[in-house]
Amino acid sequence: MRADAQKLEDARSTAAKRAEQERLFAQQQELERRRVQAQAQALLAAQARYRTCLKDADAAHAASQAAQCKASADKVSALRDNCLNTLKLPKAYCESAYVIRDGSSGCTLPPVAASTLDADLERARNRCLQESKAAAQ
């Protein structure tokens, strides 16, 4: 009888140890699942920040180009008006000397101004990339 009780106790002890091991294993699996999920969420968030950064850089570039286009067109228009109204020079001369420029955001800027804007855009995009890389580390 005593041997049977001991065997029963040993079986219970073994079952309890196995159950504890299974519980610990399940707990480790859950922690790993959460870690992987957190990494995936962090990666998605970093990608979203990167896309937003690029979008903002492109928007700033477009706004700067639009502002420069308008400023350039306004300047030429003012010079033309001055030529016609203040200096009282012939209309044909003023129109040829101060050709009205496209003031829309898609105008063609002088090469120096366009290069400066493009360089600014490239620096902004590189900053976005560097920020994205730093966040991934």
C-alpha atoms as a PDB file:
ATOM      1  CA  MET A   1       0.000   0.000   0.000  1.00  0.00           C
ATOM      2  CA  ARG A   2       2.802   2.342   0.934  1.00  0.00           C
ATOM      3  CA  ALA A   3       4.578   1.692  -2.380  1.00  0.00           C
ATOM      4  CA  ASP A   4       1.396   2.553  -4.263  1.00  0.00           C
ATOM      5  CA  ALA A   5       1.069   5.815  -2.347  1.00  0.00           C
ATOM      6  CA  GLN A   6       4.698   6.650  -3.134  1.00  0.00           C
ATOM      7  CA  LYS A   7       4.162   5.877  -6.832  1.00  0.00           C
ATOM      8  CA  LEU A   8       1.079   8.074  -6.844  1.00  0.00           C
ATOM      9  CA  GLU A   9       2.980  10.876  -5.139  1.00  0.00           C
ATOM     10  CA  ASP A  10       5.869  10.537  -7.623  1.00  0.00           C
ATOM     11  CA  ALA A  11       3.421  10.638 -10.555  1.00  0.00           C
ATOM     12  CA  ARG A  12       1.775  13.771  -9.136  1.00  0.00           C
ATOM     13  CA  SER A  13       5.161  15.389  -8.616  1.00  0.00           C
ATOM     14  CA  THR A  14       6.243  14.534 -12.174  1.00  0.00           C
ATOM     15  CA  ALA A  15       2.952  15.850 -13.559  1.00  0.00           C
ATOM     16  CA  ALA A  16       3.301  19.058 -11.552  1.00  0.00           C
ATOM     17  CA  LYS A  17       6.867  19.558 -12.800  1.00  0.00           C
ATOM     18  CA  ARG A  18       5.770  18.923 -16.386  1.00  0.00           C
ATOM     19  CA  ALA A  19       2.858  21.332 -16.019  1.00  0.00           C
ATOM     20  CA  GLU A  20       5.220  23.989 -14.628  1.00  0.00           C
ATOM     21  CA  GLN A  21       7.633  23.453 -17.506  1.00  0.00           C
ATOM     22  CA  GLU A  22       4.796  23.718 -20.017  1.00  0.00           C
ATOM     23  CA  ARG A  23       3.551  26.888 -18.324  1.00  0.00           C
ATOM     24  CA  LEU A  24       7.050  28.429 -18.436  1.00  0.00           C
ATOM     25  CA  PHE A  25       7.461  27.396 -22.070  1.00  0.00           C
ATOM     26  CA  ALA A  26       4.105  28.934 -22.988  1.00  0.00           C
ATOM     27  CA  GLN A  27       5.054  32.089 -21.104  1.00  0.00           C
ATOM     28  CA  GLN A  28       8.360  32.296 -23.030  1.00  0.00           C
ATOM     29  CA  GLN A  29       6.531  31.788 -26.322  1.00  0.00           C
ATOM     30  CA  GLU A  30       4.090  34.587 -25.450  1.00  0.00           C
ATOM     31  CA  LEU A  31       6.947  36.933 -24.541  1.00  0.00           C
ATOM     32  CA  GLU A  32       8.689  36.135 -27.828  1.00  0.00           C
ATOM     33  CA  ARG A  33       5.454  36.685 -29.767  1.00  0.00           C
ATOM     34  CA  ARG A  34       5.002  40.072 -28.088  1.00  0.00           C
ATOM     35  CA  ARG A  35       8.636  41.020 -28.781  1.00  0.00           C
ATOM     36  CA  VAL A  36       8.299  40.148 -32.470  1.00  0.00           C
ATOM     37  CA  GLN A  37       4.989  41.994 -32.654  1.00  0.00           C
ATOM     38  CA  ALA A  38       6.530  45.080 -30.995  1.00  0.00           C
ATOM     39  CA  GLN A  39       9.435  44.989 -33.466  1.00  0.00           C
ATOM     40  CA  ALA A  40       7.027  44.752 -36.381  1.00  0.00           C
ATOM     41  CA  GLN A  41       4.981  47.676 -35.061  1.00  0.00           C
ATOM     42  CA  ALA A  42       8.143  49.722 -34.537  1.00  0.00           C
ATOM     43  CA  LEU A  43       9.251  48.972 -38.098  1.00  0.00           C
ATOM     44  CA  LEU A  44       5.866  49.978 -39.500  1.00  0.00           C
ATOM     45  CA  ALA A  45       5.938  53.188 -37.472  1.00  0.00           C
ATOM     46  CA  ALA A  46       9.469  53.985 -38.687  1.00  0.00           C
ATOM     47  CA  GLN A  47       8.414  53.380 -42.285  1.00  0.00           C
ATOM     48  CA  ALA A  48       5.411  55.658 -41.826  1.00  0.00           C
ATOM     49  CA  ARG A  49       7.633  58.378 -40.329  1.00  0.00           C
ATOM     50  CA  TYR A  50      10.039  58.016 -43.258  1.00  0.00           C
ATOM     51  CA  ARG A  51       7.244  58.320 -45.825  1.00  0.00           C
ATOM     52  CA  THR A  52       5.850  61.348 -43.974  1.00  0.00           C
ATOM     53  CA  CYS A  53       9.291  62.930 -43.845  1.00  0.00           C
ATOM     54  CA  LEU A  54       9.733  62.457 -47.611  1.00  0.00           C
ATOM     55  CA  LYS A  55       6.257  63.816 -48.259  1.00  0.00           C
ATOM     56  CA  ASP A  56       7.029  66.876 -46.113  1.00  0.00           C
ATOM     57  CA  ALA A  57      10.345  67.401 -47.926  1.00  0.00           C
ATOM     58  CA  ASP A  58       8.601  67.223 -51.303  1.00  0.00           C
ATOM     59  CA  ALA A  59       5.881  69.614 -50.114  1.00  0.00           C
ATOM     60  CA  ALA A  60       8.473  72.097 -48.835  1.00  0.00           C
ATOM     61  CA  HIS A  61      10.298  71.873 -52.167  1.00  0.00           C
ATOM     62  CA  ALA A  62       7.086  72.480 -54.106  1.00  0.00           C
ATOM     63  CA  ALA A  63       6.164  75.415 -51.858  1.00  0.00           C
ATOM     64  CA  SER A  64       9.616  76.951 -52.253  1.00  0.00           C
ATOM     65  CA  GLN A  65       9.467  76.563 -56.015  1.00  0.00           C
ATOM     66  CA  ALA A  66       5.995  78.095 -56.134  1.00  0.00           C
ATOM     67  CA  ALA A  67       7.146  81.022 -54.001  1.00  0.00           C
ATOM     68  CA  GLN A  68      10.202  81.597 -56.180  1.00  0.00           C
ATOM     69  CA  CYS A  69       8.135  81.373 -59.356  1.00  0.00           C
ATOM     70  CA  LYS A  70       5.671  83.931 -58.038  1.00  0.00           C
ATOM     71  CA  ALA A  71       8.414  86.233 -56.728  1.00  0.00           C
ATOM     72  CA  SER A  72      10.269  86.085 -60.040  1.00  0.00           C
ATOM     73  CA  ALA A  73       7.112  86.802 -62.046  1.00  0.00           C
ATOM     74  CA  ASP A  74       6.131  89.629 -59.675  1.00  0.00           C
ATOM     75  CA  LYS A  75       9.591  91.191 -59.952  1.00  0.00           C
ATOM     76  CA  VAL A  76       9.578  91.142 -63.755  1.00  0.00           C
ATOM     77  CA  SER A  77       6.041  92.515 -63.777  1.00  0.00           C
ATOM     78  CA  ALA A  78       7.049  95.357 -61.446  1.00  0.00           C
ATOM     79  CA  LEU A  79      10.105  96.154 -63.566  1.00  0.00           C
ATOM     80  CA  ARG A  80       7.966  96.150 -66.704  1.00  0.00           C
ATOM     81  CA  ASP A  81       5.398  98.439 -65.068  1.00  0.00           C
ATOM     82  CA  ASN A  82       8.201 100.759 -63.964  1.00  0.00           C
ATOM     83  CA  CYS A  83       9.616 100.767 -67.488  1.00  0.00           C
ATOM     84  CA  LEU A  84       6.239 101.662 -68.956  1.00  0.00           C
ATOM     85  CA  ASN A  85       4.791 103.995 -66.340  1.00  0.00           C
ATOM     86  CA  THR A  86       7.706 105.664 -64.590  1.00  0.00           C
ATOM     87  CA  LEU A  87      10.430 105.671 -67.201  1.00  0.00           C
ATOM     88  CA  LYS A  88       7.895 106.179 -70.016  1.00  0.00           C
ATOM     89  CA  LEU A  89       9.920 104.031 -72.387  1.00  0.00           C
ATOM     90  CA  PRO A  90       8.367 102.590 -75.537  1.00  0.00           C
ATOM     91  CA  LYS A  91       6.013  99.688 -74.967  1.00  0.00           C
ATOM     92  CA  ALA A  92       7.846  97.416 -77.428  1.00  0.00           C
ATOM     93  CA  TYR A  93      11.118  98.006 -75.574  1.00  0.00           C
ATOM     94  CA  CYS A  94       9.621  97.343 -72.127  1.00  0.00           C
ATOM     95  CA  GLU A  95       7.829  94.210 -73.325  1.00  0.00           C
ATOM     96  CA  SER A  96      10.981  92.792 -74.884  1.00  0.00           C
ATOM     97  CA  ALA A  97      13.220  93.770 -71.957  1.00  0.00           C
ATOM     98  CA  TYR A  98      10.832  92.450 -69.299  1.00  0.00           C
ATOM     99  CA  VAL A  99       9.074  89.416 -70.704  1.00  0.00           C
ATOM    100  CA  ILE A 100       6.222  88.317 -68.459  1.00  0.00           C
ATOM    101  CA  ARG A 101       7.197  85.122 -66.661  1.00  0.00           C
ATOM    102  CA  ASP A 102       5.094  82.173 -65.670  1.00  0.00           C
ATOM    103  CA  GLY A 103       4.190  82.722 -62.026  1.00  0.00           C
ATOM    104  CA  SER A 104       2.665  79.287 -61.537  1.00  0.00           C
ATOM    105  CA  SER A 105       4.263  76.695 -59.280  1.00  0.00           C
ATOM    106  CA  GLY A 106       5.469  74.710 -62.274  1.00  0.00           C
ATOM    107  CA  CYS A 107       7.479  77.499 -63.863  1.00  0.00           C
ATOM    108  CA  THR A 108      10.998  77.026 -65.109  1.00  0.00           C
ATOM    109  CA  LEU A 109      13.345  78.658 -62.658  1.00  0.00           C
ATOM    110  CA  PRO A 110      16.773  79.981 -63.535  1.00  0.00           C
ATOM    111  CA  PRO A 111      19.373  77.184 -63.281  1.00  0.00           C
ATOM    112  CA  VAL A 112      21.006  78.542 -60.114  1.00  0.00           C
ATOM    113  CA  ALA A 113      17.695  78.840 -58.273  1.00  0.00           C
ATOM    114  CA  ALA A 114      16.539  75.408 -59.489  1.00  0.00           C
ATOM    115  CA  SER A 115      19.852  73.832 -58.438  1.00  0.00           C
ATOM    116  CA  THR A 116      19.612  75.382 -54.987  1.00  0.00           C
ATOM    117  CA  LEU A 117      16.068  74.099 -54.515  1.00  0.00           C
ATOM    118  CA  ASP A 118      17.019  70.647 -55.780  1.00  0.00           C
ATOM    119  CA  ALA A 119      20.027  70.524 -53.437  1.00  0.00           C
ATOM    120  CA  ASP A 120      17.771  71.521 -50.522  1.00  0.00           C
ATOM    121  CA  LEU A 121      15.368  68.718 -51.450  1.00  0.00           C
ATOM    122  CA  GLU A 122      18.206  66.196 -51.652  1.00  0.00           C
ATOM    123  CA  ARG A 123      19.501  67.259 -48.217  1.00  0.00           C
ATOM    124  CA  ALA A 124      16.002  66.936 -46.759  1.00  0.00           C
ATOM    125  CA  ARG A 125      15.590  63.462 -48.255  1.00  0.00           C
ATOM    126  CA  ASN A 126      19.001  62.405 -46.916  1.00  0.00           C
ATOM    127  CA  ARG A 127      17.998  63.703 -43.474  1.00  0.00           C
ATOM    128  CA  CYS A 128      14.848  61.571 -43.672  1.00  0.00           C
ATOM    129  CA  LEU A 129      16.943  58.538 -44.534  1.00  0.00           C
ATOM    130  CA  GLN A 130      19.418  59.181 -41.722  1.00  0.00           C
ATOM    131  CA  GLU A 131      16.601  59.632 -39.213  1.00  0.00           C
ATOM    132  CA  SER A 132      15.028  56.412 -40.426  1.00  0.00           C
ATOM    133  CA  LYS A 133      18.309  54.515 -40.111  1.00  0.00           C
ATOM    134  CA  ALA A 134      18.903  55.940 -36.623  1.00  0.00           C
ATOM    135  CA  ALA A 135      15.429  54.851 -35.518  1.00  0.00           C
ATOM    136  CA  ALA A 136      16.051  51.327 -36.795  1.00  0.00           C
ATOM    137  CA  GLN A 137      19.109  50.850 -34.598  1.00  0.00           C
END
